[in-house]
């Protein structure tokens, strides 16, 4: 459990370090490279998945589809950084694995699908989800915001990093 907590915290710190270099305009600007989306929208989306997991884990039923959506977090750097700080604190407080039930909605289906999962599995999922969105953010940084420093592993999956290291 310690390793997945450390990995998730490292990813959240990466996001926070990027935000420390952006102003609200660059953060919220719609970008063609993101199909009209913004860095802020990608960060909000990632953070809300973390918030959803961290808030719902105690009840044992997890549903990412019904997460709270905060438009301020995609427009204001400080709102996003505050949410990341909360997630960092909550991830650090995790004591151990726990069983969860994941509920999700399917398109054109009025019901929901439930399946067994665990906290460690979902921490792995939100980490991969974060990396995926940070890869898209990295494209914008490299193409349009080269002054924003970022680590070479930003947006690179753990398996890819491990494969390259071999």
C-alpha atoms as a PDB file:
ATOM      1  CA  UNK A   1       0.000   0.000   0.000  1.00  0.00           C
ATOM      2  CA  UNK A   2       2.859   2.348   0.800  1.00  0.00           C
ATOM      3  CA  UNK A   3       4.158   2.223  -2.790  1.00  0.00           C
ATOM      4  CA  UNK A   4       0.830   3.106  -4.425  1.00  0.00           C
ATOM      5  CA  UNK A   5       0.285   5.937  -1.942  1.00  0.00           C
ATOM      6  CA  UNK A   6       3.770   7.288  -2.686  1.00  0.00           C
ATOM      7  CA  UNK A   7       3.158   7.039  -6.438  1.00  0.00           C
ATOM      8  CA  UNK A   8      -0.190   8.840  -6.245  1.00  0.00           C
ATOM      9  CA  UNK A   9       1.298  11.585  -4.097  1.00  0.00           C
ATOM     10  CA  UNK A  10       4.137  12.026  -6.610  1.00  0.00           C
ATOM     11  CA  UNK A  11       1.605  12.428  -9.433  1.00  0.00           C
ATOM     12  CA  UNK A  12      -0.409  14.972  -7.467  1.00  0.00           C
ATOM     13  CA  UNK A  13       2.774  16.904  -6.663  1.00  0.00           C
ATOM     14  CA  UNK A  14       3.637  16.926 -10.388  1.00  0.00           C
ATOM     15  CA  UNK A  15       0.290  18.518 -11.153  1.00  0.00           C
ATOM     16  CA  UNK A  16       0.727  21.043  -8.363  1.00  0.00           C
ATOM     17  CA  UNK A  17       4.224  21.960  -9.579  1.00  0.00           C
ATOM     18  CA  UNK A  18       2.812  22.687 -13.036  1.00  0.00           C
ATOM     19  CA  UNK A  19       0.042  24.835 -11.607  1.00  0.00           C
ATOM     20  CA  UNK A  20       2.592  26.819  -9.634  1.00  0.00           C
ATOM     21  CA  UNK A  21       3.938  28.013 -13.006  1.00  0.00           C
ATOM     22  CA  UNK A  22       0.607  28.898 -14.645  1.00  0.00           C
ATOM     23  CA  UNK A  23      -1.670  31.883 -14.315  1.00  0.00           C
ATOM     24  CA  UNK A  24      -5.441  31.668 -14.594  1.00  0.00           C
ATOM     25  CA  UNK A  25      -5.422  32.727 -18.258  1.00  0.00           C
ATOM     26  CA  UNK A  26      -3.030  29.993 -19.419  1.00  0.00           C
ATOM     27  CA  UNK A  27      -4.780  27.494 -17.168  1.00  0.00           C
ATOM     28  CA  UNK A  28      -8.292  28.162 -18.464  1.00  0.00           C
ATOM     29  CA  UNK A  29      -7.520  28.917 -22.116  1.00  0.00           C
ATOM     30  CA  UNK A  30      -9.318  26.648 -24.568  1.00  0.00           C
ATOM     31  CA  UNK A  31      -6.805  24.927 -26.780  1.00  0.00           C
ATOM     32  CA  UNK A  32      -7.172  23.284 -30.161  1.00  0.00           C
ATOM     33  CA  UNK A  33      -4.578  20.678 -29.123  1.00  0.00           C
ATOM     34  CA  UNK A  34      -7.034  19.592 -26.413  1.00  0.00           C
ATOM     35  CA  UNK A  35     -10.001  19.562 -28.807  1.00  0.00           C
ATOM     36  CA  UNK A  36     -11.256  22.840 -27.378  1.00  0.00           C
ATOM     37  CA  UNK A  37     -10.569  21.844 -23.790  1.00  0.00           C
ATOM     38  CA  UNK A  38      -8.180  23.488 -21.380  1.00  0.00           C
ATOM     39  CA  UNK A  39      -5.393  22.455 -19.041  1.00  0.00           C
ATOM     40  CA  UNK A  40      -7.780  23.452 -16.253  1.00  0.00           C
ATOM     41  CA  UNK A  41     -10.464  21.056 -17.460  1.00  0.00           C
ATOM     42  CA  UNK A  42      -8.008  18.166 -17.513  1.00  0.00           C
ATOM     43  CA  UNK A  43      -6.679  18.996 -14.062  1.00  0.00           C
ATOM     44  CA  UNK A  44     -10.227  19.390 -12.678  1.00  0.00           C
ATOM     45  CA  UNK A  45     -11.234  16.058 -14.154  1.00  0.00           C
ATOM     46  CA  UNK A  46      -8.242  14.245 -12.631  1.00  0.00           C
ATOM     47  CA  UNK A  47      -8.647  15.877  -9.227  1.00  0.00           C
ATOM     48  CA  UNK A  48     -12.366  15.115  -9.118  1.00  0.00           C
ATOM     49  CA  UNK A  49     -11.667  11.417  -9.641  1.00  0.00           C
ATOM     50  CA  UNK A  50      -9.296  11.534  -6.681  1.00  0.00           C
ATOM     51  CA  UNK A  51     -11.858  13.440  -4.614  1.00  0.00           C
ATOM     52  CA  UNK A  52     -14.558  10.954  -5.516  1.00  0.00           C
ATOM     53  CA  UNK A  53     -12.465   7.969  -4.449  1.00  0.00           C
ATOM     54  CA  UNK A  54     -11.237   9.636  -1.271  1.00  0.00           C
ATOM     55  CA  UNK A  55     -14.693  10.824  -0.210  1.00  0.00           C
ATOM     56  CA  UNK A  56     -16.626   7.675  -1.084  1.00  0.00           C
ATOM     57  CA  UNK A  57     -14.173   5.016   0.123  1.00  0.00           C
ATOM     58  CA  UNK A  58     -15.469   5.050   3.697  1.00  0.00           C
ATOM     59  CA  UNK A  59     -18.982   4.125   2.551  1.00  0.00           C
ATOM     60  CA  UNK A  60     -17.707   1.250   0.440  1.00  0.00           C
ATOM     61  CA  UNK A  61     -19.673   2.238  -2.687  1.00  0.00           C
ATOM     62  CA  UNK A  62     -17.746   4.154  -5.339  1.00  0.00           C
ATOM     63  CA  UNK A  63     -19.276   5.838  -8.374  1.00  0.00           C
ATOM     64  CA  UNK A  64     -17.025   8.110 -10.463  1.00  0.00           C
ATOM     65  CA  UNK A  65     -19.964   8.996 -12.716  1.00  0.00           C
ATOM     66  CA  UNK A  66     -21.692  10.796  -9.862  1.00  0.00           C
ATOM     67  CA  UNK A  67     -18.705  12.855  -8.764  1.00  0.00           C
ATOM     68  CA  UNK A  68     -19.107  16.506  -7.876  1.00  0.00           C
ATOM     69  CA  UNK A  69     -18.021  18.827 -10.668  1.00  0.00           C
ATOM     70  CA  UNK A  70     -16.542  22.194  -9.717  1.00  0.00           C
ATOM     71  CA  UNK A  71     -16.202  24.609 -12.658  1.00  0.00           C
ATOM     72  CA  UNK A  72     -14.164  27.016 -10.517  1.00  0.00           C
ATOM     73  CA  UNK A  73     -11.429  24.387 -10.299  1.00  0.00           C
ATOM     74  CA  UNK A  74     -10.924  24.507 -14.069  1.00  0.00           C
ATOM     75  CA  UNK A  75     -10.731  28.310 -14.199  1.00  0.00           C
ATOM     76  CA  UNK A  76      -8.742  29.260 -11.096  1.00  0.00           C
ATOM     77  CA  UNK A  77      -5.293  27.875 -10.410  1.00  0.00           C
ATOM     78  CA  UNK A  78      -5.621  28.449  -6.665  1.00  0.00           C
ATOM     79  CA  UNK A  79      -8.889  26.491  -6.497  1.00  0.00           C
ATOM     80  CA  UNK A  80      -7.239  23.561  -8.258  1.00  0.00           C
ATOM     81  CA  UNK A  81      -4.163  23.760  -6.017  1.00  0.00           C
ATOM     82  CA  UNK A  82      -6.349  23.779  -2.898  1.00  0.00           C
ATOM     83  CA  UNK A  83      -8.153  20.668  -4.131  1.00  0.00           C
ATOM     84  CA  UNK A  84      -4.840  18.958  -4.878  1.00  0.00           C
ATOM     85  CA  UNK A  85      -3.594  19.825  -1.376  1.00  0.00           C
ATOM     86  CA  UNK A  86      -6.720  18.203   0.092  1.00  0.00           C
ATOM     87  CA  UNK A  87      -6.145  15.079  -2.009  1.00  0.00           C
ATOM     88  CA  UNK A  88      -2.489  14.893  -0.958  1.00  0.00           C
ATOM     89  CA  UNK A  89      -3.525  15.025   2.682  1.00  0.00           C
ATOM     90  CA  UNK A  90      -6.260  12.420   2.277  1.00  0.00           C
ATOM     91  CA  UNK A  91      -4.068   9.996   0.334  1.00  0.00           C
ATOM     92  CA  UNK A  92      -1.436  10.256   3.055  1.00  0.00           C
ATOM     93  CA  UNK A  93      -4.058   9.304   5.682  1.00  0.00           C
ATOM     94  CA  UNK A  94      -4.880   5.966   4.046  1.00  0.00           C
ATOM     95  CA  UNK A  95      -4.000   3.160   6.439  1.00  0.00           C
ATOM     96  CA  UNK A  96      -4.588   0.064   4.334  1.00  0.00           C
ATOM     97  CA  UNK A  97      -6.542  -1.626   1.602  1.00  0.00           C
ATOM     98  CA  UNK A  98     -10.315  -2.020   1.840  1.00  0.00           C
ATOM     99  CA  UNK A  99     -12.983  -3.717  -0.264  1.00  0.00           C
ATOM    100  CA  UNK A 100     -15.130  -1.434  -2.418  1.00  0.00           C
ATOM    101  CA  UNK A 101     -18.013  -1.826  -4.809  1.00  0.00           C
ATOM    102  CA  UNK A 102     -17.638   0.147  -8.024  1.00  0.00           C
ATOM    103  CA  UNK A 103     -20.864   1.337  -9.599  1.00  0.00           C
ATOM    104  CA  UNK A 104     -20.878   2.733 -13.126  1.00  0.00           C
ATOM    105  CA  UNK A 105     -23.371   3.811 -15.720  1.00  0.00           C
ATOM    106  CA  UNK A 106     -23.338   2.532 -19.281  1.00  0.00           C
ATOM    107  CA  UNK A 107     -24.547   4.491 -22.312  1.00  0.00           C
ATOM    108  CA  UNK A 108     -28.189   4.032 -23.236  1.00  0.00           C
ATOM    109  CA  UNK A 109     -28.783   1.942 -20.131  1.00  0.00           C
ATOM    110  CA  UNK A 110     -30.992   3.157 -17.296  1.00  0.00           C
ATOM    111  CA  UNK A 111     -29.444   0.797 -14.774  1.00  0.00           C
ATOM    112  CA  UNK A 112     -25.994   0.663 -13.330  1.00  0.00           C
ATOM    113  CA  UNK A 113     -23.336  -1.994 -13.274  1.00  0.00           C
ATOM    114  CA  UNK A 114     -21.730  -3.006  -9.973  1.00  0.00           C
ATOM    115  CA  UNK A 115     -18.501  -4.878  -9.489  1.00  0.00           C
ATOM    116  CA  UNK A 116     -16.153  -5.703  -6.661  1.00  0.00           C
ATOM    117  CA  UNK A 117     -12.906  -3.786  -6.390  1.00  0.00           C
ATOM    118  CA  UNK A 118     -10.553  -2.560  -3.708  1.00  0.00           C
ATOM    119  CA  UNK A 119      -8.976   0.666  -2.539  1.00  0.00           C
ATOM    120  CA  UNK A 120      -5.541  -0.350  -3.811  1.00  0.00           C
ATOM    121  CA  UNK A 121      -7.025  -1.215  -7.233  1.00  0.00           C
ATOM    122  CA  UNK A 122      -8.797   2.133  -7.426  1.00  0.00           C
ATOM    123  CA  UNK A 123      -5.660   4.007  -6.350  1.00  0.00           C
ATOM    124  CA  UNK A 124      -3.934   2.265  -9.245  1.00  0.00           C
ATOM    125  CA  UNK A 125      -6.754   3.314 -11.561  1.00  0.00           C
ATOM    126  CA  UNK A 126      -6.768   6.995 -10.546  1.00  0.00           C
ATOM    127  CA  UNK A 127      -2.975   7.071 -10.922  1.00  0.00           C
ATOM    128  CA  UNK A 128      -3.214   5.694 -14.480  1.00  0.00           C
ATOM    129  CA  UNK A 129      -6.073   8.068 -15.212  1.00  0.00           C
ATOM    130  CA  UNK A 130      -3.969  10.982 -13.963  1.00  0.00           C
ATOM    131  CA  UNK A 131      -0.995   9.966 -16.124  1.00  0.00           C
ATOM    132  CA  UNK A 132      -3.243   9.746 -19.194  1.00  0.00           C
ATOM    133  CA  UNK A 133      -4.563  13.277 -18.743  1.00  0.00           C
ATOM    134  CA  UNK A 134      -1.147  14.660 -17.871  1.00  0.00           C
ATOM    135  CA  UNK A 135       0.127  13.255 -21.187  1.00  0.00           C
ATOM    136  CA  UNK A 136      -2.383  15.474 -22.959  1.00  0.00           C
ATOM    137  CA  UNK A 137      -1.374  18.449 -20.835  1.00  0.00           C
ATOM    138  CA  UNK A 138       2.268  17.733 -21.656  1.00  0.00           C
ATOM    139  CA  UNK A 139       1.542  18.096 -25.375  1.00  0.00           C
ATOM    140  CA  UNK A 140       0.242  21.619 -24.729  1.00  0.00           C
ATOM    141  CA  UNK A 141       3.232  22.452 -22.551  1.00  0.00           C
ATOM    142  CA  UNK A 142       5.700  21.307 -25.188  1.00  0.00           C
ATOM    143  CA  UNK A 143       3.895  22.928 -28.112  1.00  0.00           C
ATOM    144  CA  UNK A 144       2.512  26.135 -26.627  1.00  0.00           C
ATOM    145  CA  UNK A 145       3.994  26.756 -23.170  1.00  0.00           C
ATOM    146  CA  UNK A 146       7.669  25.743 -23.406  1.00  0.00           C
ATOM    147  CA  UNK A 147       8.546  28.033 -20.488  1.00  0.00           C
ATOM    148  CA  UNK A 148       6.671  25.716 -18.103  1.00  0.00           C
ATOM    149  CA  UNK A 149       9.153  23.250 -16.628  1.00  0.00           C
ATOM    150  CA  UNK A 150       8.037  19.668 -16.216  1.00  0.00           C
ATOM    151  CA  UNK A 151       9.705  16.361 -15.392  1.00  0.00           C
ATOM    152  CA  UNK A 152      10.650  14.052 -18.253  1.00  0.00           C
ATOM    153  CA  UNK A 153       8.277  11.399 -16.884  1.00  0.00           C
ATOM    154  CA  UNK A 154       5.219  13.674 -16.973  1.00  0.00           C
ATOM    155  CA  UNK A 155       2.430  11.779 -18.720  1.00  0.00           C
ATOM    156  CA  UNK A 156       4.480   8.603 -19.137  1.00  0.00           C
ATOM    157  CA  UNK A 157       2.864   5.431 -17.794  1.00  0.00           C
ATOM    158  CA  UNK A 158       4.632   3.484 -15.062  1.00  0.00           C
ATOM    159  CA  UNK A 159       4.954   0.415 -17.303  1.00  0.00           C
ATOM    160  CA  UNK A 160       6.552   2.524 -20.047  1.00  0.00           C
ATOM    161  CA  UNK A 161       8.948   4.123 -17.578  1.00  0.00           C
ATOM    162  CA  UNK A 162       9.912   0.685 -16.252  1.00  0.00           C
ATOM    163  CA  UNK A 163      10.327  -0.737 -19.757  1.00  0.00           C
ATOM    164  CA  UNK A 164      12.599   2.149 -20.781  1.00  0.00           C
ATOM    165  CA  UNK A 165      14.698   1.682 -17.658  1.00  0.00           C
ATOM    166  CA  UNK A 166      15.404  -1.983 -18.445  1.00  0.00           C
END
